[in-house]
PDB file of all heavy atoms in Angstrom:
ATOM      1  N   TYR A   1       0.735  34.837  -4.436  1.00  0.00           N
ATOM      2  CA  TYR A   1       1.471  35.730  -3.544  1.00  0.00           C
ATOM      3  C   TYR A   1       1.319  35.279  -2.093  1.00  0.00           C
ATOM      4  O   TYR A   1       2.292  35.199  -1.349  1.00  0.00           O
ATOM      5  CB  TYR A   1       0.967  37.166  -3.719  1.00  0.00           C
ATOM      6  CG  TYR A   1       1.633  38.153  -2.795  1.00  0.00           C
ATOM      7  CD1 TYR A   1       2.889  38.659  -3.100  1.00  0.00           C
ATOM      8  CD2 TYR A   1       1.018  38.558  -1.618  1.00  0.00           C
ATOM      9  CE1 TYR A   1       3.511  39.561  -2.252  1.00  0.00           C
ATOM     10  CE2 TYR A   1       1.627  39.449  -0.765  1.00  0.00           C
ATOM     11  CZ  TYR A   1       2.879  39.949  -1.083  1.00  0.00           C
ATOM     12  OH  TYR A   1       3.489  40.826  -0.232  1.00  0.00           O
ATOM     13  N   GLN A   2       0.095  34.966  -1.711  1.00  0.00           N
ATOM     14  CA  GLN A   2      -0.161  34.535  -0.342  1.00  0.00           C
ATOM     15  C   GLN A   2       0.595  33.245  -0.028  1.00  0.00           C
ATOM     16  O   GLN A   2       1.216  33.123   1.027  1.00  0.00           O
ATOM     17  CB  GLN A   2      -1.662  34.326  -0.142  1.00  0.00           C
ATOM     18  CG  GLN A   2      -2.046  33.971   1.266  1.00  0.00           C
ATOM     19  CD  GLN A   2      -3.549  33.829   1.428  1.00  0.00           C
ATOM     20  OE1 GLN A   2      -4.262  33.574   0.465  1.00  0.00           O
ATOM     21  NE2 GLN A   2      -4.024  33.977   2.638  1.00  0.00           N
ATOM     22  N   LEU A   3       0.552  32.300  -0.937  1.00  0.00           N
ATOM     23  CA  LEU A   3       1.238  31.021  -0.712  1.00  0.00           C
ATOM     24  C   LEU A   3       2.757  31.200  -0.661  1.00  0.00           C
ATOM     25  O   LEU A   3       3.432  30.584   0.151  1.00  0.00           O
ATOM     26  CB  LEU A   3       0.879  30.032  -1.818  1.00  0.00           C
ATOM     27  CG  LEU A   3      -0.557  29.519  -1.820  1.00  0.00           C
ATOM     28  CD1 LEU A   3      -0.828  28.751  -3.105  1.00  0.00           C
ATOM     29  CD2 LEU A   3      -0.824  28.652  -0.609  1.00  0.00           C
ATOM     30  N   SER A   4       3.272  32.052  -1.522  1.00  0.00           N
ATOM     31  CA  SER A   4       4.717  32.225  -1.619  1.00  0.00           C
ATOM     32  C   SER A   4       5.304  33.054  -0.489  1.00  0.00           C
ATOM     33  O   SER A   4       6.365  32.735   0.044  1.00  0.00           O
ATOM     34  CB  SER A   4       5.086  32.896  -2.945  1.00  0.00           C
ATOM     35  OG  SER A   4       4.663  32.119  -4.013  1.00  0.00           O
ATOM     36  N   ASN A   5       4.640  34.133  -0.120  1.00  0.00           N
ATOM     37  CA  ASN A   5       5.233  35.096   0.796  1.00  0.00           C
ATOM     38  C   ASN A   5       4.868  34.922   2.258  1.00  0.00           C
ATOM     39  O   ASN A   5       5.611  35.361   3.118  1.00  0.00           O
ATOM     40  CB  ASN A   5       4.888  36.513   0.349  1.00  0.00           C
ATOM     41  CG  ASN A   5       5.526  36.827  -0.974  1.00  0.00           C
ATOM     42  OD1 ASN A   5       6.613  36.358  -1.268  1.00  0.00           O
ATOM     43  ND2 ASN A   5       4.845  37.587  -1.792  1.00  0.00           N
ATOM     44  N   PHE A   6       3.737  34.316   2.545  1.00  0.00           N
ATOM     45  CA  PHE A   6       3.333  34.199   3.936  1.00  0.00           C
ATOM     46  C   PHE A   6       3.713  32.858   4.553  1.00  0.00           C
ATOM     47  O   PHE A   6       3.597  32.668   5.740  1.00  0.00           O
ATOM     48  CB  PHE A   6       1.833  34.445   4.088  1.00  0.00           C
ATOM     49  CG  PHE A   6       1.465  35.850   3.757  1.00  0.00           C
ATOM     50  CD1 PHE A   6       0.669  36.135   2.672  1.00  0.00           C
ATOM     51  CD2 PHE A   6       1.934  36.908   4.520  1.00  0.00           C
ATOM     52  CE1 PHE A   6       0.338  37.435   2.349  1.00  0.00           C
ATOM     53  CE2 PHE A   6       1.609  38.211   4.210  1.00  0.00           C
ATOM     54  CZ  PHE A   6       0.810  38.481   3.121  1.00  0.00           C
ATOM     55  N   SER A   7       4.164  31.945   3.723  1.00  0.00           N
ATOM     56  CA  SER A   7       4.555  30.636   4.240  1.00  0.00           C
ATOM     57  C   SER A   7       6.023  30.667   4.630  1.00  0.00           C
ATOM     58  O   SER A   7       6.883  31.012   3.837  1.00  0.00           O
ATOM     59  CB  SER A   7       4.336  29.555   3.185  1.00  0.00           C
ATOM     60  OG  SER A   7       4.863  28.348   3.648  1.00  0.00           O
ATOM     61  N   GLN A   8       6.296  30.290   5.863  1.00  0.00           N
ATOM     62  CA  GLN A   8       7.683  30.184   6.321  1.00  0.00           C
ATOM     63  C   GLN A   8       8.227  28.780   6.068  1.00  0.00           C
ATOM     64  O   GLN A   8       9.394  28.515   6.257  1.00  0.00           O
ATOM     65  CB  GLN A   8       7.767  30.501   7.820  1.00  0.00           C
ATOM     66  CG  GLN A   8       7.247  31.881   8.180  1.00  0.00           C
ATOM     67  CD  GLN A   8       8.018  32.977   7.499  1.00  0.00           C
ATOM     68  OE1 GLN A   8       9.229  32.905   7.378  1.00  0.00           O
ATOM     69  NE2 GLN A   8       7.317  34.000   7.042  1.00  0.00           N
ATOM     70  N   GLU A   9       7.355  27.908   5.636  1.00  0.00           N
ATOM     71  CA  GLU A   9       7.712  26.512   5.478  1.00  0.00           C
ATOM     72  C   GLU A   9       7.871  26.172   4.009  1.00  0.00           C
ATOM     73  O   GLU A   9       7.173  26.690   3.166  1.00  0.00           O
ATOM     74  CB  GLU A   9       6.614  25.628   6.075  1.00  0.00           C
ATOM     75  CG  GLU A   9       6.266  25.992   7.491  1.00  0.00           C
ATOM     76  CD  GLU A   9       4.943  25.384   7.914  1.00  0.00           C
ATOM     77  OE1 GLU A   9       4.503  24.415   7.307  1.00  0.00           O
ATOM     78  OE2 GLU A   9       4.365  25.910   8.858  1.00  0.00           O
ATOM     79  N   GLN A  10       8.806  25.276   3.724  1.00  0.00           N
ATOM     80  CA  GLN A  10       8.928  24.732   2.388  1.00  0.00           C
ATOM     81  C   GLN A  10       8.152  23.432   2.377  1.00  0.00           C
ATOM     82  O   GLN A  10       8.577  22.443   2.954  1.00  0.00           O
ATOM     83  CB  GLN A  10      10.408  24.506   2.026  1.00  0.00           C
ATOM     84  CG  GLN A  10      11.183  25.771   1.815  1.00  0.00           C
ATOM     85  CD  GLN A  10      10.651  26.553   0.624  1.00  0.00           C
ATOM     86  OE1 GLN A  10      10.221  25.995  -0.366  1.00  0.00           O
ATOM     87  NE2 GLN A  10      10.662  27.878   0.740  1.00  0.00           N
ATOM     88  N   ASP A  11       7.022  23.438   1.769  1.00  0.00           N
ATOM     89  CA  ASP A  11       6.152  22.277   1.742  1.00  0.00           C
ATOM     90  C   ASP A  11       5.836  21.945   0.296  1.00  0.00           C
ATOM     91  O   ASP A  11       5.501  22.844  -0.487  1.00  0.00           O
ATOM     92  CB  ASP A  11       4.870  22.565   2.525  1.00  0.00           C
ATOM     93  CG  ASP A  11       3.984  21.351   2.630  1.00  0.00           C
ATOM     94  OD1 ASP A  11       3.159  21.139   1.718  1.00  0.00           O
ATOM     95  OD2 ASP A  11       4.117  20.624   3.621  1.00  0.00           O
ATOM     96  N   ILE A  12       5.929  20.670  -0.069  1.00  0.00           N
ATOM     97  CA  ILE A  12       5.712  20.260  -1.460  1.00  0.00           C
ATOM     98  C   ILE A  12       4.297  20.592  -1.912  1.00  0.00           C
ATOM     99  O   ILE A  12       4.085  20.987  -3.058  1.00  0.00           O
ATOM    100  CB  ILE A  12       6.039  18.764  -1.660  1.00  0.00           C
ATOM    101  CG1 ILE A  12       6.021  18.389  -3.141  1.00  0.00           C
ATOM    102  CG2 ILE A  12       5.089  17.882  -0.879  1.00  0.00           C
ATOM    103  CD1 ILE A  12       7.135  18.980  -3.934  1.00  0.00           C
ATOM    104  N   ASN A  13       3.311  20.487  -1.023  1.00  0.00           N
ATOM    105  CA  ASN A  13       1.932  20.788  -1.410  1.00  0.00           C
ATOM    106  C   ASN A  13       1.737  22.273  -1.698  1.00  0.00           C
ATOM    107  O   ASN A  13       1.011  22.641  -2.619  1.00  0.00           O
ATOM    108  CB  ASN A  13       0.957  20.317  -0.329  1.00  0.00           C
ATOM    109  CG  ASN A  13       0.889  18.810  -0.267  1.00  0.00           C
ATOM    110  OD1 ASN A  13       0.656  18.157  -1.271  1.00  0.00           O
ATOM    111  ND2 ASN A  13       1.116  18.257   0.900  1.00  0.00           N
ATOM    112  N   LEU A  14       2.394  23.128  -0.918  1.00  0.00           N
ATOM    113  CA  LEU A  14       2.292  24.571  -1.180  1.00  0.00           C
ATOM    114  C   LEU A  14       3.002  24.919  -2.481  1.00  0.00           C
ATOM    115  O   LEU A  14       2.533  25.763  -3.245  1.00  0.00           O
ATOM    116  CB  LEU A  14       2.871  25.367  -0.019  1.00  0.00           C
ATOM    117  CG  LEU A  14       2.115  25.270   1.300  1.00  0.00           C
ATOM    118  CD1 LEU A  14       2.768  26.154   2.350  1.00  0.00           C
ATOM    119  CD2 LEU A  14       0.659  25.650   1.129  1.00  0.00           C
ATOM    120  N   THR A  15       4.126  24.264  -2.746  1.00  0.00           N
ATOM    121  CA  THR A  15       4.847  24.500  -3.997  1.00  0.00           C
ATOM    122  C   THR A  15       3.988  24.103  -5.184  1.00  0.00           C
ATOM    123  O   THR A  15       3.894  24.832  -6.176  1.00  0.00           O
ATOM    124  CB  THR A  15       6.165  23.700  -4.008  1.00  0.00           C
ATOM    125  OG1 THR A  15       6.942  24.083  -2.873  1.00  0.00           O
ATOM    126  CG2 THR A  15       6.960  23.964  -5.272  1.00  0.00           C
ATOM    127  N   LYS A  16       3.309  22.970  -5.077  1.00  0.00           N
ATOM    128  CA  LYS A  16       2.419  22.521  -6.157  1.00  0.00           C
ATOM    129  C   LYS A  16       1.240  23.471  -6.315  1.00  0.00           C
ATOM    130  O   LYS A  16       0.806  23.746  -7.439  1.00  0.00           O
ATOM    131  CB  LYS A  16       1.921  21.106  -5.880  1.00  0.00           C
ATOM    132  CG  LYS A  16       2.993  20.044  -6.054  1.00  0.00           C
ATOM    133  CD  LYS A  16       2.438  18.670  -5.721  1.00  0.00           C
ATOM    134  CE  LYS A  16       3.479  17.589  -5.858  1.00  0.00           C
ATOM    135  NZ  LYS A  16       2.936  16.258  -5.488  1.00  0.00           N
ATOM    136  N   ALA A  17       0.716  23.979  -5.215  1.00  0.00           N
ATOM    137  CA  ALA A  17      -0.394  24.928  -5.274  1.00  0.00           C
ATOM    138  C   ALA A  17       0.021  26.204  -5.998  1.00  0.00           C
ATOM    139  O   ALA A  17      -0.738  26.755  -6.802  1.00  0.00           O
ATOM    140  CB  ALA A  17      -0.910  25.239  -3.871  1.00  0.00           C
ATOM    141  N   VAL A  18       1.235  26.673  -5.729  1.00  0.00           N
ATOM    142  CA  VAL A  18       1.754  27.866  -6.419  1.00  0.00           C
ATOM    143  C   VAL A  18       1.860  27.584  -7.918  1.00  0.00           C
ATOM    144  O   VAL A  18       1.502  28.431  -8.748  1.00  0.00           O
ATOM    145  CB  VAL A  18       3.127  28.290  -5.841  1.00  0.00           C
ATOM    146  CG1 VAL A  18       3.802  29.316  -6.722  1.00  0.00           C
ATOM    147  CG2 VAL A  18       2.960  28.829  -4.434  1.00  0.00           C
ATOM    148  N   LEU A  19       2.314  26.387  -8.282  1.00  0.00           N
ATOM    149  CA  LEU A  19       2.440  26.035  -9.698  1.00  0.00           C
ATOM    150  C   LEU A  19       1.071  26.002 -10.390  1.00  0.00           C
ATOM    151  O   LEU A  19       0.952  26.402 -11.544  1.00  0.00           O
ATOM    152  CB  LEU A  19       3.156  24.692  -9.854  1.00  0.00           C
ATOM    153  CG  LEU A  19       4.630  24.690  -9.445  1.00  0.00           C
ATOM    154  CD1 LEU A  19       5.205  23.280  -9.535  1.00  0.00           C
ATOM    155  CD2 LEU A  19       5.432  25.644 -10.316  1.00  0.00           C
ATOM    156  N   VAL A  20       0.039  25.526  -9.697  1.00  0.00           N
ATOM    157  CA  VAL A  20      -1.311  25.529 -10.259  1.00  0.00           C
ATOM    158  C   VAL A  20      -1.739  26.966 -10.552  1.00  0.00           C
ATOM    159  O   VAL A  20      -2.295  27.255 -11.621  1.00  0.00           O
ATOM    160  CB  VAL A  20      -2.316  24.842  -9.293  1.00  0.00           C
ATOM    161  CG1 VAL A  20      -3.748  25.091  -9.724  1.00  0.00           C
ATOM    162  CG2 VAL A  20      -2.035  23.355  -9.192  1.00  0.00           C
ATOM    163  N   CYS A  21      -1.473  27.878  -9.613  1.00  0.00           N
ATOM    164  CA  CYS A  21      -1.828  29.292  -9.810  1.00  0.00           C
ATOM    165  C   CYS A  21      -1.079  29.899 -10.987  1.00  0.00           C
ATOM    166  O   CYS A  21      -1.654  30.625 -11.796  1.00  0.00           O
ATOM    167  CB  CYS A  21      -1.547  30.088  -8.545  1.00  0.00           C
ATOM    168  SG  CYS A  21      -2.628  29.660  -7.179  1.00  0.00           S
ATOM    169  N   LYS A  22       0.220  29.596 -11.083  1.00  0.00           N
ATOM    170  CA  LYS A  22       1.019  30.127 -12.192  1.00  0.00           C
ATOM    171  C   LYS A  22       0.511  29.601 -13.528  1.00  0.00           C
ATOM    172  O   LYS A  22       0.426  30.346 -14.504  1.00  0.00           O
ATOM    173  CB  LYS A  22       2.491  29.765 -12.005  1.00  0.00           C
ATOM    174  CG  LYS A  22       3.177  30.572 -10.933  1.00  0.00           C
ATOM    175  CD  LYS A  22       4.643  30.229 -10.846  1.00  0.00           C
ATOM    176  CE  LYS A  22       5.305  31.069  -9.773  1.00  0.00           C
ATOM    177  NZ  LYS A  22       6.738  30.822  -9.667  1.00  0.00           N
ATOM    178  N   LYS A  23       0.198  28.306 -13.571  1.00  0.00           N
ATOM    179  CA  LYS A  23      -0.302  27.714 -14.819  1.00  0.00           C
ATOM    180  C   LYS A  23      -1.623  28.359 -15.229  1.00  0.00           C
ATOM    181  O   LYS A  23      -1.832  28.651 -16.410  1.00  0.00           O
ATOM    182  CB  LYS A  23      -0.456  26.215 -14.668  1.00  0.00           C
ATOM    183  CG  LYS A  23      -0.881  25.513 -15.939  1.00  0.00           C
ATOM    184  CD  LYS A  23      -0.686  24.031 -15.834  1.00  0.00           C
ATOM    185  CE  LYS A  23      -1.197  23.286 -17.044  1.00  0.00           C
ATOM    186  NZ  LYS A  23      -0.654  23.684 -18.302  1.00  0.00           N
ATOM    187  N   ALA A  24      -2.504  28.602 -14.282  1.00  0.00           N
ATOM    188  CA  ALA A  24      -3.787  29.244 -14.593  1.00  0.00           C
ATOM    189  C   ALA A  24      -3.550  30.653 -15.146  1.00  0.00           C
ATOM    190  O   ALA A  24      -4.192  31.058 -16.122  1.00  0.00           O
ATOM    191  CB  ALA A  24      -4.669  29.292 -13.348  1.00  0.00           C
ATOM    192  N   GLN A  25      -2.614  31.390 -14.541  1.00  0.00           N
ATOM    193  CA  GLN A  25      -2.305  32.741 -15.027  1.00  0.00           C
ATOM    194  C   GLN A  25      -1.747  32.692 -16.448  1.00  0.00           C
ATOM    195  O   GLN A  25      -2.100  33.522 -17.290  1.00  0.00           O
ATOM    196  CB  GLN A  25      -1.294  33.417 -14.107  1.00  0.00           C
ATOM    197  CG  GLN A  25      -1.844  33.759 -12.738  1.00  0.00           C
ATOM    198  CD  GLN A  25      -0.755  34.300 -11.844  1.00  0.00           C
ATOM    199  OE1 GLN A  25      -0.207  35.358 -12.116  1.00  0.00           O
ATOM    200  NE2 GLN A  25      -0.443  33.580 -10.780  1.00  0.00           N
ATOM    201  N   GLU A  26      -0.860  31.726 -16.720  1.00  0.00           N
ATOM    202  CA  GLU A  26      -0.281  31.587 -18.058  1.00  0.00           C
ATOM    203  C   GLU A  26      -1.359  31.281 -19.095  1.00  0.00           C
ATOM    204  O   GLU A  26      -1.339  31.834 -20.196  1.00  0.00           O
ATOM    205  CB  GLU A  26       0.779  30.485 -18.066  1.00  0.00           C
ATOM    206  CG  GLU A  26       2.039  30.847 -17.318  1.00  0.00           C
ATOM    207  CD  GLU A  26       2.981  29.655 -17.147  1.00  0.00           C
ATOM    208  OE1 GLU A  26       2.695  28.569 -17.691  1.00  0.00           O
ATOM    209  OE2 GLU A  26       4.004  29.822 -16.460  1.00  0.00           O
ATOM    210  N   GLU A  27      -2.285  30.411 -18.740  1.00  0.00           N
ATOM    211  CA  GLU A  27      -3.364  30.084 -19.672  1.00  0.00           C
ATOM    212  C   GLU A  27      -4.230  31.307 -19.969  1.00  0.00           C
ATOM    213  O   GLU A  27      -4.661  31.499 -21.103  1.00  0.00           O
ATOM    214  CB  GLU A  27      -4.230  28.960 -19.113  1.00  0.00           C
ATOM    215  CG  GLU A  27      -3.578  27.599 -19.192  1.00  0.00           C
ATOM    216  CD  GLU A  27      -4.509  26.487 -18.746  1.00  0.00           C
ATOM    217  OE1 GLU A  27      -5.732  26.605 -18.970  1.00  0.00           O
ATOM    218  OE2 GLU A  27      -4.008  25.517 -18.184  1.00  0.00           O
ATOM    219  N   ILE A  28      -4.489  32.110 -18.951  1.00  0.00           N
ATOM    220  CA  ILE A  28      -5.283  33.324 -19.158  1.00  0.00           C
ATOM    221  C   ILE A  28      -4.558  34.269 -20.108  1.00  0.00           C
ATOM    222  O   ILE A  28      -5.154  34.844 -21.014  1.00  0.00           O
ATOM    223  CB  ILE A  28      -5.592  34.007 -17.805  1.00  0.00           C
ATOM    224  CG1 ILE A  28      -6.557  33.128 -16.991  1.00  0.00           C
ATOM    225  CG2 ILE A  28      -6.177  35.395 -18.012  1.00  0.00           C
ATOM    226  CD1 ILE A  28      -6.728  33.563 -15.548  1.00  0.00           C
TER     227      ILE A  28
END
């Protein structure tokens, strides 16, 4: 949520970080 909503920038590293979080949630 923090990475997605507070970032005004489209950055590939932030996008990848969000994907890591989503993958961890899916595994749980």
